[in-house]
Protein backbone atom coordinates (compact mmCIF):
# COMPACT_ATOMS: atom_id res chain seq x y z
CA MET A 1 -0.58 -8.87 -32.06
CA ASN A 2 2.31 -6.49 -30.55
CA CYS A 3 1.60 -4.52 -27.65
CA ARG A 4 0.66 -1.25 -29.27
CA SER A 5 -1.81 -2.79 -31.93
CA PHE A 6 -3.28 -4.76 -28.61
CA TRP A 7 -4.08 -0.66 -26.99
CA LEU A 8 -5.59 0.65 -30.63
CA ILE A 9 -7.91 -2.26 -30.52
CA LEU A 10 -8.76 -1.91 -26.53
CA TRP A 11 -8.76 2.23 -26.98
CA LEU A 12 -11.33 1.56 -30.19
CA TRP A 13 -13.25 -0.94 -28.79
CA LEU A 14 -13.85 1.40 -25.00
CA VAL A 15 -13.91 4.46 -27.69
CA TYR A 16 -17.16 2.63 -28.80
CA VAL A 17 -18.79 1.47 -26.08
CA PRO A 18 -20.13 2.92 -23.27
CA SER A 19 -17.70 3.71 -20.59
CA ALA A 20 -19.91 2.98 -17.97
CA SER A 21 -20.75 -0.43 -17.00
CA PRO A 22 -24.04 -1.25 -17.13
CA LEU A 23 -24.51 -0.29 -13.33
CA ALA A 24 -23.28 2.72 -13.61
CA GLN A 25 -25.59 3.53 -16.79
CA ALA A 26 -29.02 2.39 -14.55
CA LYS A 27 -27.43 5.22 -11.59
CA ALA A 28 -26.50 8.21 -13.32
CA LYS A 29 -26.19 10.33 -10.89
CA PHE A 30 -24.40 7.78 -8.43
CA LYS A 31 -21.49 9.72 -6.50
CA VAL A 32 -19.39 7.65 -3.87
CA SER A 33 -19.32 9.76 -1.06
CA ALA A 34 -17.72 7.16 1.54
CA PRO A 35 -21.01 6.79 4.25
CA GLU A 36 -20.72 6.50 7.18
CA GLN A 37 -23.42 4.23 8.71
CA LYS A 38 -24.05 0.99 6.85
CA VAL A 39 -26.56 0.63 3.91
CA SER A 40 -28.81 -2.55 4.11
CA ILE A 41 -28.60 -5.13 0.86
CA GLN A 42 -31.36 -6.95 0.16
CA LYS A 43 -28.62 -9.75 -0.73
CA SER A 44 -27.33 -12.45 1.71
CA LYS A 45 -23.69 -13.42 1.83
CA PRO A 46 -22.55 -10.96 -0.97
CA VAL A 47 -19.36 -12.17 -3.09
CA VAL A 48 -16.62 -10.13 -3.66
CA LEU A 49 -13.80 -10.67 -5.84
CA GLN A 50 -10.29 -9.11 -5.38
CA VAL A 51 -7.69 -8.94 -8.06
CA ILE A 52 -3.95 -8.31 -7.91
CA PRO A 53 -1.04 -9.59 -9.44
CA ASP A 54 0.20 -11.91 -6.72
CA LEU A 55 0.12 -11.99 -2.42
CA GLU A 56 3.89 -11.96 -1.84
CA THR A 57 4.86 -9.06 0.40
CA GLY A 58 3.72 -5.35 0.33
CA GLY A 59 0.86 -2.64 0.97
CA ALA A 60 -1.72 -3.37 -2.18
CA GLU A 61 -1.51 -7.06 -0.90
CA ARG A 62 -1.46 -6.80 2.90
CA THR A 63 -4.84 -4.35 2.45
CA THR A 64 -6.43 -7.04 -0.03
CA VAL A 65 -5.77 -9.45 3.12
CA ASP A 66 -7.32 -7.35 5.49
CA ILE A 67 -10.00 -6.64 3.12
CA ALA A 68 -10.55 -10.22 2.51
CA LYS A 69 -10.81 -11.04 6.71
CA ALA A 70 -13.37 -8.07 7.42
CA LEU A 71 -15.50 -9.48 4.36
CA THR A 72 -15.53 -12.75 5.91
CA ASP A 73 -16.08 -11.49 9.50
CA ALA A 74 -19.12 -10.22 7.96
CA GLY A 75 -20.56 -12.82 6.85
CA TRP A 76 -19.49 -12.09 3.13
CA THR A 77 -17.72 -14.62 0.39
CA ALA A 78 -14.16 -13.86 -0.30
CA LEU A 79 -12.57 -14.79 -3.21
CA VAL A 80 -9.17 -13.33 -4.20
CA ALA A 81 -7.29 -13.88 -7.71
CA SER A 82 -3.96 -13.48 -8.12
CA GLU A 83 -0.35 -15.66 -9.09
CA GLY A 84 -0.04 -16.58 -5.15
CA GLY A 85 2.89 -15.37 -2.71
CA ARG A 86 3.45 -15.64 1.31
CA LEU A 87 0.33 -14.69 2.29
CA VAL A 88 -1.89 -16.99 0.98
CA ALA A 89 -1.60 -19.13 3.83
CA GLU A 90 -3.13 -16.45 6.01
CA LEU A 91 -5.60 -15.64 3.30
CA GLU A 92 -7.04 -19.17 3.58
CA SER A 93 -6.62 -19.81 7.38
CA PHE A 94 -9.95 -17.14 7.90
CA GLY A 95 -12.24 -18.92 5.14
CA ALA A 96 -11.27 -16.25 1.85
CA HIS A 97 -10.92 -18.49 -1.18
CA HIS A 98 -7.79 -18.11 -3.34
CA ILE A 99 -7.66 -18.64 -6.91
CA THR A 100 -4.83 -19.13 -9.17
CA LEU A 101 -4.85 -16.75 -12.24
CA PRO A 102 -1.85 -15.52 -14.43
CA VAL A 103 -2.87 -11.76 -13.84
CA LYS A 104 0.81 -10.54 -13.27
CA SER A 105 1.24 -10.72 -16.63
CA LYS A 106 1.57 -7.44 -18.54
CA ASN A 107 1.65 -9.40 -21.90
CA PRO A 108 -1.68 -8.11 -23.82
CA LEU A 109 -2.67 -11.80 -25.23
CA THR A 110 -2.79 -12.88 -21.63
CA ILE A 111 -4.61 -10.08 -20.19
CA TRP A 112 -7.38 -10.52 -23.06
CA ARG A 113 -7.16 -14.44 -21.81
CA ASN A 114 -7.61 -13.06 -18.49
CA THR A 115 -10.94 -11.33 -19.43
CA ALA A 116 -12.23 -14.91 -19.93
CA ARG A 117 -11.17 -16.95 -17.04
CA LEU A 118 -12.31 -14.06 -14.71
CA GLY A 119 -15.77 -13.77 -16.68
CA GLN A 120 -16.05 -17.71 -16.01
CA VAL A 121 -14.50 -17.54 -12.20
CA ILE A 122 -17.84 -14.89 -11.85
CA ARG A 123 -20.24 -17.32 -13.31
CA ASP A 124 -19.29 -19.81 -11.61
CA ARG A 125 -18.98 -18.89 -8.16
CA ASN A 126 -21.59 -16.17 -8.27
CA VAL A 127 -19.53 -13.08 -7.70
CA ASP A 128 -21.64 -9.72 -7.24
CA LEU A 129 -18.61 -7.31 -7.61
CA ILE A 130 -14.74 -7.04 -8.61
CA HIS A 131 -11.87 -5.10 -7.04
CA ALA A 132 -9.05 -4.58 -8.89
CA ARG A 133 -6.05 -3.48 -6.99
CA SER A 134 -3.26 -2.99 -9.63
CA ARG A 135 -3.14 -1.79 -13.50
CA ALA A 136 -2.96 -5.05 -15.70
CA PRO A 137 -5.35 -7.35 -14.02
CA ALA A 138 -7.60 -4.19 -14.04
CA TRP A 139 -7.89 -4.00 -17.66
CA SER A 140 -9.17 -8.26 -17.60
CA ALA A 141 -11.68 -7.62 -14.75
CA LEU A 142 -13.19 -4.35 -16.05
CA LEU A 143 -13.78 -6.27 -19.42
CA ALA A 144 -15.07 -8.92 -17.08
CA ALA A 145 -17.26 -6.84 -14.89
CA ARG A 146 -18.40 -5.10 -18.39
CA ARG A 147 -19.30 -8.68 -19.77
CA GLU A 148 -21.23 -10.18 -16.83
CA LYS A 149 -22.88 -7.05 -16.05
CA ILE A 150 -21.95 -6.25 -12.20
CA PRO A 151 -19.87 -3.12 -10.37
CA PHE A 152 -16.25 -2.68 -11.37
CA VAL A 153 -14.08 -0.96 -8.51
CA THR A 154 -10.35 0.14 -8.56
CA THR A 155 -8.23 0.91 -5.75
CA TYR A 156 -5.29 3.61 -6.74
CA HIS A 157 -2.48 2.07 -4.51
CA GLY A 158 0.43 3.94 -6.46
CA VAL A 159 2.31 6.93 -8.10
CA TYR A 160 1.58 5.84 -11.63
CA ASN A 161 4.63 7.67 -14.05
CA GLN A 162 2.53 8.02 -17.52
CA LYS A 163 5.48 9.74 -19.39
CA SER A 164 3.69 8.78 -22.97
CA ARG A 165 -0.18 8.68 -24.10
CA ILE A 166 0.38 4.58 -24.28
CA LYS A 167 1.44 4.79 -20.75
CA ALA A 168 -1.71 7.15 -19.90
CA PHE A 169 -4.31 5.54 -21.42
CA TYR A 170 -2.74 2.20 -19.80
CA ASN A 171 -3.13 4.04 -16.45
CA SER A 172 -6.30 5.11 -16.79
CA VAL A 173 -8.57 2.14 -15.67
CA MET A 174 -7.87 2.70 -12.68
CA ALA A 175 -9.75 5.65 -13.02
CA ARG A 176 -12.78 3.54 -14.91
CA GLY A 177 -14.39 1.70 -11.60
CA ASP A 178 -17.97 2.46 -11.02
CA ALA A 179 -16.31 3.72 -7.40
CA VAL A 180 -12.64 4.51 -7.66
CA ILE A 181 -10.81 4.00 -4.33
CA ALA A 182 -7.64 6.39 -3.42
CA ASN A 183 -5.46 5.87 -0.66
CA SER A 184 -4.75 9.52 0.40
CA GLY A 185 -5.74 12.86 -0.35
CA TYR A 186 -2.74 12.92 -2.37
CA THR A 187 -3.53 9.92 -4.99
CA ALA A 188 -7.10 11.54 -5.00
CA ASN A 189 -5.73 14.77 -6.82
CA LEU A 190 -3.43 12.80 -8.80
CA ILE A 191 -6.84 11.00 -10.08
CA GLN A 192 -8.68 13.79 -10.77
CA GLU A 193 -5.78 16.07 -12.34
CA ARG A 194 -4.97 12.90 -15.12
CA ASN A 195 -8.51 12.04 -15.39
CA PRO A 196 -11.13 14.63 -14.69
CA VAL A 197 -14.24 12.45 -15.55
CA ALA A 198 -13.27 10.80 -12.86
CA ALA A 199 -13.58 13.11 -9.87
CA GLY A 200 -17.60 12.38 -8.96
CA LYS A 201 -16.57 8.63 -8.06
CA ILE A 202 -13.29 8.90 -6.02
CA THR A 203 -13.64 7.98 -2.46
CA VAL A 204 -10.51 8.94 -0.28
CA ILE A 205 -10.07 5.65 2.08
CA HIS A 206 -6.35 6.16 3.61
CA ARG A 207 -4.62 2.64 4.35
CA GLY A 208 -5.14 0.90 7.59
CA SER A 209 -2.80 -0.90 9.97
CA ASP A 210 -2.97 -3.49 12.57
CA LEU A 211 -2.39 -0.93 15.27
CA GLY A 212 -2.83 -2.69 18.53
CA ALA A 213 -0.22 -5.94 16.85
CA LEU A 214 2.01 -2.79 16.51
CA ALA A 215 1.75 -1.74 20.31
CA PRO A 216 5.14 -2.13 22.35
CA GLU A 217 3.33 -3.90 24.56
CA ALA A 218 2.03 -7.09 22.03
CA VAL A 219 5.46 -8.03 21.21
CA SER A 220 7.22 -9.72 23.75
CA SER A 221 10.45 -10.39 24.83
CA GLU A 222 10.89 -13.94 23.27
CA ARG A 223 10.05 -12.48 19.57
CA ARG A 224 12.31 -9.64 20.00
CA ASN A 225 15.34 -11.41 21.01
CA THR A 226 14.58 -14.09 18.09
CA LEU A 227 14.64 -11.08 15.70
CA ALA A 228 17.91 -9.89 17.16
CA GLU A 229 19.70 -13.11 17.43
CA ALA A 230 18.59 -13.37 13.59
CA TRP A 231 19.76 -10.24 12.13
CA LYS A 232 22.93 -10.86 14.89
CA VAL A 233 22.44 -7.10 15.88
CA ASP A 234 22.86 -6.03 19.15
CA ALA A 235 20.06 -4.95 20.57
CA ASN A 236 21.78 -2.54 23.08
CA ARG A 237 23.24 0.01 20.42
CA PRO A 238 21.14 2.63 18.85
CA ILE A 239 19.42 1.29 15.56
CA ILE A 240 18.39 3.13 13.01
CA LEU A 241 15.50 0.72 10.55
CA ASN A 242 14.79 1.20 7.11
CA MET A 243 11.81 -0.99 5.75
CA GLY A 244 10.65 -1.19 2.36
CA ARG A 245 11.62 -3.60 -0.65
CA LEU A 246 15.07 -2.89 -2.17
CA THR A 247 14.25 -0.69 -5.19
CA ALA A 248 16.15 2.97 -5.58
CA TRP A 249 13.07 5.14 -5.60
CA LYS A 250 13.26 4.15 -1.76
CA GLY A 251 16.21 5.38 -0.86
CA GLN A 252 18.57 3.23 0.91
CA GLY A 253 21.59 4.82 -1.13
CA ILE A 254 20.29 7.89 1.38
CA VAL A 255 20.47 5.87 4.40
CA ILE A 256 23.97 4.42 3.66
CA ASP A 257 24.80 8.27 2.70
CA ALA A 258 23.20 9.64 5.57
CA MET A 259 24.99 6.77 7.89
CA ALA A 260 28.58 7.30 7.05
CA LYS A 261 28.04 11.30 7.99
CA LEU A 262 27.24 10.48 11.16
CA ALA A 263 30.07 8.29 11.25
CA GLU A 264 32.29 10.70 9.91
CA ALA A 265 31.27 12.96 12.77
CA GLY A 266 32.39 10.40 15.75
CA ASP A 267 29.64 8.26 16.19
CA SER A 268 30.49 4.93 16.23
CA GLN A 269 27.95 2.98 17.82
CA THR A 270 24.85 3.26 15.36
CA ILE A 271 23.25 0.56 13.59
CA ALA A 272 21.38 0.83 10.54
CA ILE A 273 19.58 -2.25 9.24
CA LEU A 274 17.68 -2.00 5.86
CA ALA A 275 14.76 -4.72 5.67
CA GLY A 276 13.19 -5.10 2.39
CA ASP A 277 12.95 -7.88 -0.44
CA ALA A 278 14.96 -7.45 -3.29
CA GLN A 279 12.39 -9.39 -5.65
CA GLY A 280 15.27 -10.35 -7.79
CA ARG A 281 16.84 -6.73 -8.41
CA ASP A 282 20.39 -8.49 -7.76
CA LYS A 283 21.91 -5.52 -9.36
CA TYR A 284 20.68 -2.81 -7.00
CA LEU A 285 21.02 -5.08 -4.41
CA ALA A 286 25.16 -5.25 -4.98
CA GLU A 287 25.60 -1.49 -5.91
CA LEU A 288 24.37 -1.29 -2.20
CA LYS A 289 26.84 -3.46 -0.65
CA ALA A 290 29.08 -1.89 -2.78
CA GLN A 291 28.28 1.17 -1.31
CA ILE A 292 28.34 0.37 2.14
CA ALA A 293 31.73 -1.44 1.70
CA GLY A 294 33.36 1.88 0.13
CA HIS A 295 32.11 3.98 3.92
CA GLY A 296 33.66 1.11 5.39
CA LEU A 297 30.49 0.50 7.20
CA GLU A 298 30.31 -3.76 6.85
CA GLY A 299 28.96 -4.67 10.20
CA ARG A 300 27.06 -0.99 10.98
CA ILE A 301 24.33 -1.71 8.06
CA LEU A 302 22.92 -4.64 7.51
CA LEU A 303 21.08 -5.60 4.70
CA VAL A 304 18.69 -8.61 6.34
CA GLY A 305 16.22 -9.55 3.51
CA HIS A 306 12.06 -9.55 4.05
CA CYS A 307 10.87 -8.95 7.38
CA ALA A 308 7.94 -11.04 8.51
CA ASP A 309 7.68 -9.77 11.58
CA VAL A 310 7.51 -6.01 11.65
CA PRO A 311 5.95 -5.56 14.73
CA ALA A 312 9.09 -6.89 16.33
CA ALA A 313 11.67 -5.30 14.00
CA LEU A 314 10.07 -2.14 15.32
CA SER A 315 10.72 -2.83 18.47
CA LEU A 316 14.13 -3.39 17.97
CA ALA A 317 14.43 0.33 16.41
CA ASP A 318 15.29 3.56 18.22
CA VAL A 319 14.15 5.96 14.90
CA ALA A 320 12.85 4.78 11.89
CA VAL A 321 13.43 6.36 8.88
CA VAL A 322 11.33 6.22 5.22
CA ALA A 323 13.81 7.75 2.26
CA SER A 324 11.82 7.49 -0.62
CA VAL A 325 13.11 9.90 -3.47
CA GLU A 326 10.04 9.51 -5.39
CA ALA A 327 6.27 10.67 -3.84
CA GLU A 328 4.51 7.83 -2.31
CA ALA A 329 0.72 7.13 -2.84
CA PHE A 330 0.60 6.34 0.96
CA GLY A 331 3.11 5.97 3.04
CA ARG A 332 2.23 2.65 5.31
CA ALA A 333 5.70 1.88 6.96
CA ALA A 334 5.31 5.81 8.42
CA VAL A 335 1.96 4.55 9.99
CA GLU A 336 3.41 1.46 11.25
CA ALA A 337 6.60 3.42 12.98
CA GLN A 338 3.95 5.84 14.55
CA ALA A 339 2.05 2.61 15.62
CA ALA A 340 4.72 1.22 17.93
CA HIS A 341 5.83 4.46 19.28
CA VAL A 342 9.02 4.75 17.42
CA PRO A 343 10.41 8.00 16.48
CA VAL A 344 9.95 8.05 12.46
CA ILE A 345 11.76 10.36 9.60
CA VAL A 346 10.47 10.64 6.40
CA SER A 347 11.02 12.50 2.88
CA ASP A 348 8.78 15.28 2.90
CA LEU A 349 6.91 14.54 -0.47
CA GLY A 350 3.99 12.43 -1.36
CA ALA A 351 0.72 11.62 0.57
CA VAL A 352 3.83 12.05 3.72
CA PRO A 353 2.20 15.09 4.72
CA GLU A 354 -0.83 13.39 5.87
CA THR A 355 0.73 10.54 7.80
CA VAL A 356 3.51 12.41 9.37
CA LEU A 357 2.69 16.15 11.22
CA ALA A 358 5.84 18.71 11.38
CA PRO A 359 6.62 22.06 10.99
CA PRO A 360 5.46 24.41 9.22
CA GLU A 361 1.92 22.72 8.90
CA ARG A 362 1.99 22.09 12.67
CA SER A 363 3.68 23.76 15.71
CA ASP A 364 6.47 21.80 16.86
CA ASP A 365 4.25 20.59 20.43
CA GLU A 366 1.95 18.92 17.78
CA ARG A 367 4.77 16.92 15.86
CA THR A 368 4.48 13.46 15.30
CA GLY A 369 7.94 13.29 13.64
CA TRP A 370 10.65 14.85 11.11
CA ARG A 371 10.33 15.84 7.69
CA VAL A 372 13.01 16.36 5.54
CA PRO A 373 13.84 17.12 1.61
CA PRO A 374 13.95 13.80 -0.99
CA GLY A 375 17.73 12.59 -1.73
CA ASN A 376 19.34 14.94 1.04
CA SER A 377 21.77 12.50 2.93
CA GLU A 378 22.96 15.67 4.90
CA ALA A 379 19.63 16.66 5.99
CA LEU A 380 18.97 13.17 6.80
CA ALA A 381 22.02 12.67 9.05
CA ALA A 382 20.82 16.03 11.23
CA THR A 383 17.86 14.96 11.67
CA LEU A 384 18.73 11.07 12.48
CA ARG A 385 21.11 12.67 15.14
CA GLN A 386 18.42 14.88 16.80
CA ALA A 387 15.69 11.91 16.67
CA LEU A 388 18.78 9.58 18.21
CA ASP A 389 19.45 12.60 21.08
CA LEU A 390 15.82 12.83 22.00
CA LYS A 391 15.46 11.26 25.26
CA GLY A 392 13.32 10.48 28.40
CA GLU A 393 10.10 12.89 28.61
CA ASP A 394 10.39 14.51 25.32
CA ARG A 395 10.93 11.10 23.25
CA GLN A 396 7.69 9.91 25.05
CA ALA A 397 5.56 13.11 24.23
CA LEU A 398 6.79 12.71 20.81
CA THR A 399 5.67 8.83 20.57
CA ASP A 400 2.43 9.27 22.46
CA ARG A 401 1.16 12.19 20.06
CA ALA A 402 2.03 9.93 17.22
CA ALA A 403 0.03 6.76 18.14
CA ARG A 404 -2.54 8.87 19.12
CA HIS A 405 -2.45 10.73 15.31
CA VAL A 406 -2.17 6.70 13.71
CA SER A 407 -5.12 5.32 16.12
CA GLU A 408 -7.62 8.03 14.91
CA ASN A 409 -7.02 8.30 11.31
CA PHE A 410 -4.99 4.88 10.22
CA SER A 411 -6.65 2.16 11.69
CA VAL A 412 -7.36 -1.15 9.28
CA GLU A 413 -10.83 -1.28 10.88
CA ALA A 414 -11.87 2.16 9.72
CA MET A 415 -10.23 1.30 6.50
CA CYS A 416 -11.76 -1.96 6.40
CA GLU A 417 -15.52 -0.27 7.15
CA LYS A 418 -15.11 2.48 4.72
CA THR A 419 -14.18 0.00 1.74
CA LEU A 420 -17.17 -2.35 2.42
CA ASN A 421 -19.69 0.92 2.87
CA VAL A 422 -18.46 1.54 -0.95
CA TYR A 423 -19.34 -2.29 -1.76
CA ARG A 424 -22.33 -1.91 -0.09
CA SER A 425 -23.56 1.56 -1.60
CA LEU A 426 -22.90 -0.56 -4.98
CA LEU A 427 -24.95 -3.62 -4.09
CA SER A 428 -27.72 -2.18 -2.41
CA ASP A 429 -28.39 -0.39 -5.85
CA GLN A 430 -32.10 -1.45 -6.74
CA ASP A 431 -31.31 -1.79 -10.60
CA LEU A 432 -28.66 -4.58 -9.47
CA ASP A 433 -31.10 -7.39 -9.80
CA GLN A 434 -32.31 -6.42 -13.17
CA LEU A 435 -28.85 -6.49 -14.44
CA ARG A 436 -27.77 -9.75 -12.72
């Protein structure tokens, strides 16, 4: 079976099978509104299965682990199905359970087979709710949830391009949940534009970060010095930090060009650190190295690979940069920088206005960072100079405002509580026992 045939068959199946799950049919007027008060549930120790391609690194992966921790802390049973990765050890350390399945594959036959595999997990582990966090495994999870008659939840973690009808259909699974979680207002608007029928099911839950762990006082001098030594960087020099996986749309090339402009203007001291995993993009990594060499900036721009200690990395930074050239659905790096009291510069697109306050929407006295046009290395260089030159009370006032802003809006505790309330609102339905 080729890919086109598979999606055609699946489309026909979905057309002629009711589009809502049995739970949604039983509760036709269901609307998710992210209730602030806990909803009591009759069943003790509910079982929630999250499905994600892998647990290597990234915002969706971090959120999966955070939600699993919140579930276990609440006395629930947390299961995660993925192909594994570096976060599995942490997941299992607090009592969550990992199930290794080939859910990273986009092969249509594997997606179809994963439906049966997930169905078996649901039956064997008495799963009450399944939560999908990526498109390929979401198709398997959707079909398994319908067969087993349990609620199906999705989180829209990214801005998925859909330049064809097949791609639009492939993406649509993320809007087919009984509840659809959007990680920003920007993402919620995008979902509604593409899938108007999902409008009543969408809940905005901003991605949360462990703000306490990011605070400067939480990072020991030993951790800071250990990382500086590992990276072979002089922590006494001005440091610009760009964190994110190495991929062209994250804008590492723009940061390199901006550094070149600073050097041309006479800055011989500032160092830029590009921290992120290439994830097999060896050609792009080689291009970045060639770009650095072309500007004669070897030793001033460092490609350090994956960073496991984000708070320590931020403690080394004088300025953080998020230079994406395509819209991001949220922008965790900007939140983390503000929590760490590090001035941050971001590209002005996507969900950024929700994470970094800046003119013209806010006054300069309310600013928590800077926004620059995406892909504009000249504007980035000028703003970097401004941020690097910010000293004393002015810098302290900015970073204090930024830390308060993220504390009030982007904590991991708030994210987890709102997510569990979505689960509770589905599991508290009295029709659930009849459907099981």
